[in-house]
N, C-alpha and C. Protein backbone atom coordinates (compact mmCIF):
# COMPACT_ATOMS: atom_id res chain seq x y z
N UNK A 1 -28.87 54.05 45.83
CA UNK A 1 -28.70 54.07 44.48
C UNK A 1 -27.45 53.17 43.45
N UNK A 2 -26.74 54.24 43.37
CA UNK A 2 -25.57 54.61 43.05
C UNK A 2 -24.15 53.02 43.36
N UNK A 3 -24.74 52.55 44.45
CA UNK A 3 -23.94 51.51 44.97
C UNK A 3 -24.74 50.24 43.96
N UNK A 4 -26.26 50.17 44.32
CA UNK A 4 -26.80 48.91 42.81
C UNK A 4 -26.42 48.69 41.95
N UNK A 5 -26.14 50.26 41.31
CA UNK A 5 -26.18 50.35 39.98
C UNK A 5 -24.33 50.06 39.62
N UNK A 6 -23.80 50.41 40.38
CA UNK A 6 -22.62 49.95 40.26
C UNK A 6 -21.53 48.38 40.90
N UNK A 7 -22.80 48.15 41.53
CA UNK A 7 -22.65 46.48 42.24
C UNK A 7 -23.04 45.86 40.68
N UNK A 8 -24.08 46.12 39.94
CA UNK A 8 -25.02 45.58 38.66
C UNK A 8 -23.79 45.52 37.69
N UNK A 9 -22.93 46.88 37.20
CA UNK A 9 -22.45 47.05 36.37
C UNK A 9 -21.04 46.17 36.49
N UNK A 10 -20.60 45.72 38.06
CA UNK A 10 -19.21 45.07 38.42
C UNK A 10 -19.65 43.45 37.91
N UNK A 11 -21.29 43.63 38.47
CA UNK A 11 -21.58 42.05 38.45
C UNK A 11 -21.87 41.59 36.75
N UNK A 12 -22.20 42.24 36.06
CA UNK A 12 -22.42 41.94 34.24
C UNK A 12 -21.26 41.57 33.76
N UNK A 13 -19.82 42.83 34.23
CA UNK A 13 -18.45 42.83 33.39
C UNK A 13 -17.76 41.75 33.72
N UNK A 14 -18.03 40.77 35.22
CA UNK A 14 -17.09 39.89 35.34
C UNK A 14 -17.67 38.71 34.56
N UNK A 15 -18.98 38.81 34.69
CA UNK A 15 -19.85 37.92 34.36
C UNK A 15 -20.55 37.43 33.06
N UNK A 16 -19.88 38.49 32.19
CA UNK A 16 -20.95 38.58 31.29
C UNK A 16 -19.95 38.23 29.97
N UNK A 17 -18.74 37.72 30.31
CA UNK A 17 -17.64 37.22 29.48
C UNK A 17 -17.45 35.63 29.80
N UNK A 18 -17.38 35.67 29.06
CA UNK A 18 -17.17 33.80 28.58
C UNK A 18 -15.70 33.74 29.00
N UNK A 19 -15.92 32.09 29.77
CA UNK A 19 -14.64 32.21 29.85
C UNK A 19 -13.76 31.26 29.12
N UNK A 20 -13.01 31.78 28.65
CA UNK A 20 -12.08 30.93 27.66
C UNK A 20 -11.11 30.10 27.85
N UNK A 21 -10.99 29.18 28.72
CA UNK A 21 -9.14 28.74 29.18
C UNK A 21 -9.26 27.35 28.35
N UNK A 22 -8.15 27.69 28.00
CA UNK A 22 -7.32 26.92 27.07
C UNK A 22 -7.08 25.73 27.84
N UNK A 23 -7.30 24.50 27.24
CA UNK A 23 -6.58 22.83 28.02
C UNK A 23 -5.88 22.65 26.84
N UNK A 24 -4.51 22.17 27.59
CA UNK A 24 -3.82 21.36 27.25
C UNK A 24 -3.38 20.06 26.43
N UNK A 25 -4.04 20.27 25.64
CA UNK A 25 -4.05 18.71 25.19
C UNK A 25 -2.48 17.83 25.26
N UNK A 26 -2.34 16.65 25.59
CA UNK A 26 -1.11 16.33 25.55
C UNK A 26 -0.45 15.75 24.28
N UNK A 27 0.60 15.51 24.21
CA UNK A 27 1.22 14.77 23.14
C UNK A 27 0.54 13.43 22.64
N UNK A 28 0.04 12.65 23.87
CA UNK A 28 -0.02 11.57 23.35
C UNK A 28 -1.96 11.31 23.13
N UNK A 29 -2.70 12.59 23.49
CA UNK A 29 -4.02 12.80 23.02
C UNK A 29 -4.05 13.08 21.57
N UNK A 30 -3.36 14.06 21.00
CA UNK A 30 -2.78 14.28 19.73
C UNK A 30 -2.59 12.96 18.86
N UNK A 31 -1.85 12.15 19.19
CA UNK A 31 -1.35 10.59 18.90
C UNK A 31 -2.19 10.16 18.63
N UNK A 32 -2.91 9.75 19.76
CA UNK A 32 -4.32 8.68 19.86
C UNK A 32 -5.22 9.25 19.10
N UNK A 33 -5.75 10.41 18.57
CA UNK A 33 -6.32 11.02 17.78
C UNK A 33 -6.02 10.96 16.05
N UNK A 34 -4.66 10.84 16.11
CA UNK A 34 -4.46 10.94 14.94
C UNK A 34 -4.48 9.27 14.11
N UNK A 35 -3.93 8.45 15.26
CA UNK A 35 -3.67 6.92 14.99
C UNK A 35 -5.91 6.42 14.45
N UNK A 36 -6.62 6.96 15.14
CA UNK A 36 -8.10 6.65 14.90
C UNK A 36 -8.09 7.02 13.69
N UNK A 37 -7.60 8.45 13.07
CA UNK A 37 -8.10 8.78 11.39
C UNK A 37 -7.11 7.71 10.95
N UNK A 38 -5.85 7.59 10.50
CA UNK A 38 -5.00 6.93 10.26
C UNK A 38 -5.30 5.77 9.35
N UNK A 39 -5.67 6.33 7.99
CA UNK A 39 -5.59 5.43 7.28
C UNK A 39 -4.69 4.40 6.86
N UNK A 40 -5.04 2.68 7.35
CA UNK A 40 -3.13 2.10 6.55
C UNK A 40 -3.26 1.06 5.79
N UNK A 41 -4.27 1.22 5.14
CA UNK A 41 -4.54 0.29 3.86
C UNK A 41 -4.40 1.43 2.54
N UNK A 42 -4.00 1.99 2.47
CA UNK A 42 -3.62 3.10 1.66
C UNK A 42 -2.64 4.07 1.73
N UNK A 43 -1.44 4.23 0.65
CA UNK A 43 -0.20 4.95 0.80
C UNK A 43 -0.46 6.24 -0.13
N UNK A 44 0.43 7.13 0.35
CA UNK A 44 0.38 8.44 -0.30
C UNK A 44 0.72 8.18 -2.21
N UNK A 45 1.77 6.93 -2.32
CA UNK A 45 2.64 6.89 -3.54
C UNK A 45 2.75 5.35 -3.09
N UNK A 46 2.38 4.93 -4.70
CA UNK A 46 2.73 3.32 -4.50
C UNK A 46 3.61 3.22 -5.19
N UNK A 47 4.41 1.49 -5.08
CA UNK A 47 5.66 1.77 -5.26
C UNK A 47 5.67 1.68 -7.05
N UNK A 48 6.90 2.04 -7.41
CA UNK A 48 7.18 2.26 -9.52
C UNK A 48 8.64 2.17 -9.76
N UNK A 49 7.88 1.58 -11.13
CA UNK A 49 9.37 1.32 -11.47
C UNK A 49 9.97 3.17 -12.27
N UNK A 50 10.78 3.25 -12.63
CA UNK A 50 11.75 4.76 -13.14
C UNK A 50 10.63 4.92 -14.32
N UNK A 51 9.93 3.66 -15.48
CA UNK A 51 9.04 4.21 -16.41
C UNK A 51 8.21 5.00 -16.05
N UNK A 52 7.54 4.73 -14.83
CA UNK A 52 5.89 4.86 -14.28
C UNK A 52 6.50 6.58 -13.20
N UNK A 53 7.40 6.93 -13.20
CA UNK A 53 7.58 7.90 -12.40
C UNK A 53 6.97 9.37 -13.33
N UNK A 54 7.06 9.37 -14.56
CA UNK A 54 6.43 10.72 -15.10
C UNK A 54 4.73 10.94 -15.32
N UNK A 55 4.09 10.02 -14.78
CA UNK A 55 3.03 10.06 -15.09
C UNK A 55 2.16 10.84 -13.02
N UNK A 56 1.08 11.34 -13.42
CA UNK A 56 0.59 12.65 -12.77
C UNK A 56 0.21 11.94 -11.51
N UNK A 57 -1.34 11.34 -11.90
CA UNK A 57 -2.07 10.65 -11.10
C UNK A 57 -1.85 9.22 -10.20
N UNK A 58 -2.47 9.44 -9.22
CA UNK A 58 -1.61 7.74 -8.01
C UNK A 58 -2.29 6.77 -8.89
N UNK A 59 -3.63 6.74 -9.69
CA UNK A 59 -4.30 5.70 -10.38
C UNK A 59 -3.53 5.48 -11.54
N UNK A 60 -3.13 5.90 -12.18
CA UNK A 60 -2.08 6.13 -13.63
C UNK A 60 -0.73 5.15 -12.72
N UNK A 61 -0.08 5.76 -12.11
CA UNK A 61 0.80 5.47 -11.35
C UNK A 61 1.06 3.65 -10.86
N UNK A 62 -0.32 3.64 -10.26
CA UNK A 62 -0.49 2.13 -9.85
C UNK A 62 -1.00 1.42 -10.94
N UNK A 63 -1.59 1.69 -11.87
CA UNK A 63 -1.85 1.02 -13.01
C UNK A 63 -0.22 0.62 -13.98
N UNK A 64 0.20 1.53 -13.92
CA UNK A 64 1.43 1.21 -14.75
C UNK A 64 2.74 0.59 -14.23
N UNK A 65 2.41 0.74 -12.63
CA UNK A 65 3.25 -0.53 -12.08
C UNK A 65 2.88 -2.01 -12.02
N UNK A 66 1.24 -1.98 -12.35
CA UNK A 66 1.34 -3.43 -11.85
C UNK A 66 1.31 -4.17 -13.29
N UNK A 67 1.28 -3.19 -14.62
CA UNK A 67 1.52 -3.34 -16.46
C UNK A 67 2.47 -3.62 -16.26
N UNK A 68 3.21 -3.10 -15.74
CA UNK A 68 5.30 -3.52 -15.88
C UNK A 68 5.19 -4.71 -15.31
N UNK A 69 5.10 -4.36 -14.22
CA UNK A 69 5.03 -5.90 -13.38
C UNK A 69 4.15 -7.13 -13.97
N UNK A 70 3.44 -7.44 -14.31
CA UNK A 70 2.65 -8.57 -14.83
C UNK A 70 3.05 -8.24 -16.33
N UNK A 71 3.46 -7.60 -16.84
CA UNK A 71 4.25 -8.18 -18.51
C UNK A 71 5.24 -8.57 -18.29
N UNK A 72 6.43 -8.37 -17.45
CA UNK A 72 7.84 -8.70 -17.12
C UNK A 72 7.64 -10.51 -16.67
N UNK A 73 6.69 -10.27 -16.06
CA UNK A 73 6.38 -12.12 -15.31
C UNK A 73 5.50 -12.45 -16.33
N UNK A 74 4.79 -12.15 -17.03
CA UNK A 74 3.96 -13.17 -18.37
C UNK A 74 5.35 -13.11 -19.78
N UNK A 75 6.51 -11.74 -19.74
CA UNK A 75 7.64 -12.38 -20.74
C UNK A 75 8.36 -13.54 -20.48
N UNK A 76 8.54 -13.05 -19.12
CA UNK A 76 9.55 -13.92 -18.74
C UNK A 76 9.26 -15.70 -18.39
N UNK A 77 7.66 -15.85 -18.59
CA UNK A 77 6.66 -17.13 -18.53
C UNK A 77 6.77 -17.65 -19.21
N UNK A 78 6.63 -17.20 -20.37
CA UNK A 78 6.28 -17.13 -21.84
C UNK A 78 7.59 -17.52 -22.21
N UNK A 79 9.14 -17.15 -21.98
CA UNK A 79 9.95 -17.35 -22.83
C UNK A 79 10.73 -19.05 -22.15
N UNK A 80 9.66 -19.25 -20.91
CA UNK A 80 10.44 -20.46 -20.37
C UNK A 80 10.47 -21.80 -21.02
N UNK A 81 11.76 -22.61 -20.84
CA UNK A 81 11.47 -23.62 -21.69
C UNK A 81 11.28 -24.61 -20.77
N UNK A 82 11.04 -25.07 -19.99
CA UNK A 82 10.64 -25.98 -18.96
C UNK A 82 9.56 -26.43 -19.92
N UNK A 83 9.36 -27.74 -19.74
CA UNK A 83 8.60 -28.17 -20.63
C UNK A 83 7.35 -29.69 -19.59
N UNK A 84 6.05 -28.69 -19.89
CA UNK A 84 4.90 -30.09 -19.10
C UNK A 84 4.16 -30.83 -20.00
N UNK A 85 3.97 -32.05 -19.58
CA UNK A 85 3.35 -32.78 -20.26
C UNK A 85 1.64 -33.02 -20.09
N UNK A 86 1.54 -31.88 -19.97
CA UNK A 86 -0.44 -31.49 -19.86
C UNK A 86 -0.43 -30.30 -20.07
N UNK A 87 -1.77 -30.10 -20.94
CA UNK A 87 -1.95 -29.09 -21.13
C UNK A 87 -2.89 -28.42 -19.66
N UNK A 88 -2.25 -27.09 -18.82
CA UNK A 88 -2.55 -26.34 -17.62
C UNK A 88 -3.38 -24.72 -18.15
N UNK A 89 -4.48 -24.45 -18.22
CA UNK A 89 -5.42 -23.53 -17.98
C UNK A 89 -5.63 -23.02 -16.45
N UNK A 90 -4.79 -22.03 -15.92
CA UNK A 90 -5.61 -21.96 -14.64
C UNK A 90 -5.09 -20.49 -14.04
N UNK A 91 -5.71 -20.25 -13.34
CA UNK A 91 -5.39 -18.74 -12.59
C UNK A 91 -4.59 -19.12 -11.31
N UNK A 92 -3.24 -18.47 -11.38
CA UNK A 92 -2.66 -19.23 -9.75
C UNK A 92 -2.53 -17.73 -8.64
N UNK A 93 -2.15 -17.19 -7.67
CA UNK A 93 -2.38 -15.69 -6.60
C UNK A 93 -0.60 -15.88 -6.42
N UNK A 94 -0.36 -14.57 -7.80
CA UNK A 94 0.82 -14.76 -6.87
C UNK A 94 0.91 -13.13 -5.36
N UNK A 95 1.68 -13.84 -4.11
CA UNK A 95 1.12 -12.89 -3.25
C UNK A 95 2.83 -12.15 -2.77
N UNK A 96 3.25 -11.20 -2.62
CA UNK A 96 4.24 -10.90 -2.15
C UNK A 96 4.44 -9.41 -1.49
N UNK A 97 5.31 -9.18 -0.91
CA UNK A 97 5.22 -7.79 -0.61
C UNK A 97 6.71 -6.87 -0.99
N UNK A 98 6.95 -5.68 -1.41
CA UNK A 98 7.69 -4.65 -1.53
C UNK A 98 8.09 -4.15 -0.54
N UNK A 99 9.17 -4.45 -0.23
CA UNK A 99 10.09 -3.51 1.28
C UNK A 99 10.22 -1.96 1.02
N UNK A 100 10.43 -1.38 2.41
CA UNK A 100 10.68 -0.19 1.88
C UNK A 100 11.75 0.23 1.61
N UNK A 101 12.72 -0.54 1.60
CA UNK A 101 14.23 -0.73 0.52
C UNK A 101 13.57 -1.11 -1.39
N UNK A 102 12.65 -1.36 -1.56
CA UNK A 102 12.07 -1.79 -2.70
C UNK A 102 12.87 -2.57 -3.50
N UNK A 103 13.18 -3.89 -2.23
CA UNK A 103 13.12 -5.02 -2.94
C UNK A 103 11.50 -6.22 -2.67
N UNK A 104 11.56 -6.91 -3.61
CA UNK A 104 10.13 -8.25 -3.34
C UNK A 104 10.43 -9.24 -2.72
N UNK A 105 9.86 -9.56 -1.71
CA UNK A 105 9.72 -10.46 -1.23
C UNK A 105 8.33 -11.02 -1.30
N UNK A 106 9.00 -12.44 -1.85
CA UNK A 106 7.84 -13.52 -2.54
C UNK A 106 7.21 -13.82 -1.12
N UNK A 107 6.34 -13.99 -0.84
CA UNK A 107 5.25 -14.36 -0.06
C UNK A 107 4.81 -15.69 0.12
N UNK A 108 3.82 -16.08 -1.63
CA UNK A 108 3.39 -17.13 -1.08
C UNK A 108 2.48 -16.97 -2.59
N UNK A 109 2.51 -18.68 -3.11
CA UNK A 109 1.59 -18.81 -4.32
C UNK A 109 1.16 -19.54 -4.08
N UNK A 110 -0.73 -19.15 -4.84
CA UNK A 110 -1.33 -20.08 -4.40
C UNK A 110 -2.13 -20.44 -5.70
N UNK A 111 -2.35 -21.84 -5.42
CA UNK A 111 -2.49 -22.42 -6.71
C UNK A 111 -3.62 -23.28 -6.62
N UNK A 112 -4.03 -24.11 -7.79
CA UNK A 112 -5.40 -24.90 -7.41
C UNK A 112 -5.13 -26.68 -7.54
N UNK A 113 -5.75 -27.09 -7.02
CA UNK A 113 -5.46 -28.72 -6.38
C UNK A 113 -5.28 -29.10 -7.99
N UNK A 114 -5.47 -29.20 -8.84
CA UNK A 114 -5.55 -29.38 -9.92
C UNK A 114 -3.76 -29.62 -10.27
N UNK A 115 -3.30 -28.47 -10.28
CA UNK A 115 -1.83 -28.12 -10.74
C UNK A 115 -0.90 -28.16 -9.67
N UNK A 116 -1.30 -29.02 -8.46
CA UNK A 116 -0.63 -28.53 -7.14
C UNK A 116 0.99 -29.27 -6.71
N UNK A 117 0.98 -30.39 -8.12
CA UNK A 117 1.82 -31.45 -8.53
C UNK A 117 2.99 -30.31 -8.87
N UNK A 118 2.74 -29.08 -9.64
CA UNK A 118 3.56 -28.39 -9.93
C UNK A 118 3.94 -27.00 -9.94
N UNK A 119 3.55 -27.24 -8.67
CA UNK A 119 3.70 -25.73 -7.64
C UNK A 119 4.99 -25.54 -7.50
N UNK A 120 5.95 -26.25 -7.60
CA UNK A 120 7.15 -26.09 -7.06
C UNK A 120 7.96 -25.39 -8.61
N UNK A 121 7.38 -26.30 -9.51
CA UNK A 121 8.16 -25.36 -11.46
C UNK A 121 7.70 -23.87 -11.17
N UNK A 122 6.13 -23.80 -11.05
CA UNK A 122 5.68 -22.52 -10.82
C UNK A 122 6.12 -21.51 -10.02
N UNK A 123 6.74 -21.98 -8.97
CA UNK A 123 6.55 -21.18 -7.86
C UNK A 123 8.61 -20.70 -8.47
N UNK A 124 9.54 -21.63 -8.64
CA UNK A 124 10.94 -21.14 -9.34
C UNK A 124 10.59 -20.35 -10.54
N UNK A 125 9.58 -20.74 -11.48
CA UNK A 125 9.65 -19.61 -12.72
C UNK A 125 9.03 -17.65 -11.95
N UNK A 126 8.56 -17.86 -11.17
CA UNK A 126 8.12 -16.48 -10.80
C UNK A 126 9.01 -15.76 -9.63
N UNK A 127 9.86 -16.69 -9.18
CA UNK A 127 10.59 -16.44 -8.58
C UNK A 127 12.06 -15.85 -9.43
N UNK A 128 12.42 -16.51 -10.55
CA UNK A 128 13.01 -16.14 -11.13
C UNK A 128 12.65 -14.75 -12.00
N UNK A 129 11.70 -14.73 -12.26
CA UNK A 129 11.15 -13.53 -13.65
C UNK A 129 11.26 -12.36 -12.17
N UNK A 130 10.55 -12.34 -11.06
CA UNK A 130 10.49 -11.46 -9.88
C UNK A 130 12.51 -10.72 -10.07
N UNK A 131 13.14 -11.61 -9.41
CA UNK A 131 15.03 -11.37 -9.85
C UNK A 131 15.01 -10.71 -10.21
N UNK A 132 14.26 -10.45 -11.92
CA UNK A 132 15.10 -9.79 -13.68
C UNK A 132 14.23 -8.56 -13.41
N UNK A 133 13.28 -8.19 -12.50
CA UNK A 133 12.72 -6.76 -12.53
C UNK A 133 13.54 -5.49 -12.67
N UNK A 134 13.06 -4.54 -13.12
CA UNK A 134 13.80 -3.49 -12.82
C UNK A 134 13.86 -3.13 -11.50
N UNK A 135 14.54 -2.16 -11.02
CA UNK A 135 14.95 -0.95 -9.76
C UNK A 135 13.53 -0.95 -9.39
N UNK A 136 13.03 -1.05 -8.34
CA UNK A 136 11.13 -0.90 -7.49
C UNK A 136 11.79 0.42 -6.66
N UNK A 137 11.13 1.55 -6.96
CA UNK A 137 10.88 2.50 -5.83
C UNK A 137 10.03 1.94 -4.83
N UNK A 138 9.95 1.86 -3.54
CA UNK A 138 8.87 2.08 -2.67
C UNK A 138 8.25 2.64 -2.33
N UNK A 139 7.08 2.01 -2.15
CA UNK A 139 6.28 3.02 -1.56
C UNK A 139 5.77 3.91 -0.87
N UNK A 140 4.90 5.39 -0.34
CA UNK A 140 5.47 6.51 0.41
C UNK A 140 4.41 6.46 1.04
N UNK A 141 4.41 6.46 2.20
CA UNK A 141 3.39 6.72 3.50
C UNK A 141 3.82 7.81 4.37
N UNK A 142 3.02 9.27 4.04
CA UNK A 142 3.68 10.39 5.09
C UNK A 142 5.50 10.73 5.12
N UNK A 143 5.27 11.24 3.77
CA UNK A 143 7.00 10.77 3.75
C UNK A 143 7.64 9.62 3.67
N UNK A 144 7.48 9.03 4.64
CA UNK A 144 7.86 7.40 4.67
C UNK A 144 8.17 6.25 3.86
N UNK A 145 9.16 5.48 4.01
CA UNK A 145 9.26 4.57 3.02
C UNK A 145 8.69 3.18 3.63
N UNK A 146 7.32 2.72 3.01
CA UNK A 146 6.69 1.76 3.83
C UNK A 146 6.58 0.28 3.08
N UNK A 147 6.02 -0.38 3.62
CA UNK A 147 6.28 -2.00 3.33
C UNK A 147 4.97 -1.83 2.20
N UNK A 148 4.86 -2.51 1.43
CA UNK A 148 3.36 -2.70 1.12
C UNK A 148 2.89 -4.06 0.64
N UNK A 149 1.99 -4.56 0.38
CA UNK A 149 1.98 -6.02 0.27
C UNK A 149 0.84 -6.27 -0.82
N UNK A 150 1.19 -6.88 -1.55
CA UNK A 150 0.53 -7.00 -3.10
C UNK A 150 -0.22 -8.87 -2.98
N UNK A 151 -1.43 -8.49 -3.94
CA UNK A 151 -1.92 -9.90 -4.23
C UNK A 151 -2.09 -9.86 -6.14
N UNK A 152 -1.46 -10.76 -6.51
CA UNK A 152 -1.45 -10.48 -8.10
C UNK A 152 -2.00 -11.72 -8.63
N UNK A 153 -3.14 -11.79 -9.14
CA UNK A 153 -3.49 -13.12 -9.90
C UNK A 153 -3.18 -13.21 -11.59
N UNK A 154 -2.21 -14.43 -11.68
CA UNK A 154 -1.53 -14.78 -13.24
C UNK A 154 -2.39 -15.90 -13.89
N UNK A 155 -3.06 -15.78 -14.80
CA UNK A 155 -3.64 -16.83 -15.36
C UNK A 155 -2.41 -17.24 -16.91
N UNK A 156 -1.90 -19.11 -16.09
CA UNK A 156 -0.87 -19.50 -16.91
C UNK A 156 -1.84 -20.53 -17.88
N UNK A 157 -0.91 -20.47 -18.87
CA UNK A 157 -1.37 -21.90 -19.68
C UNK A 157 -0.31 -22.40 -20.62
N UNK A 158 0.00 -23.46 -20.73
CA UNK A 158 0.33 -24.29 -21.35
C UNK A 158 0.36 -24.48 -22.89
N UNK A 159 -0.97 -23.90 -23.31
CA UNK A 159 -1.07 -23.81 -24.95
C UNK A 159 -0.76 -22.97 -25.62
């Protein structure tokens, strides 16, 4: 009888514990999982000008950046002395990239068919105003400076 009790005791002793075998996860598996959860369309910090750095929230910094950029382009376009012989009231879309070095790369200007003949004039005006912008601090994603693409609609009027 003692043998059976000893046998049952040993049996329960060894098999009552959960077997916790730690599986080693490879670096590739961790990276694959991280890439799946990585949000590529958002940044931790948007590009900014020095005037926007004092703001605390990400959304306020983004709004400040867009406002400063739009304002500078508008001021420059208003002070433009080029003459056009017709009335234009249209919205153009300026597509550009802010590089990880803080430089603006002009990508594309989308204009309506009605003003396609003025595209080169509008294009030159935008490029000129972009060159006059103050220093831009690049966007940050996970501690690294990254490129960011923007699309900015701008209302153009000759009145």
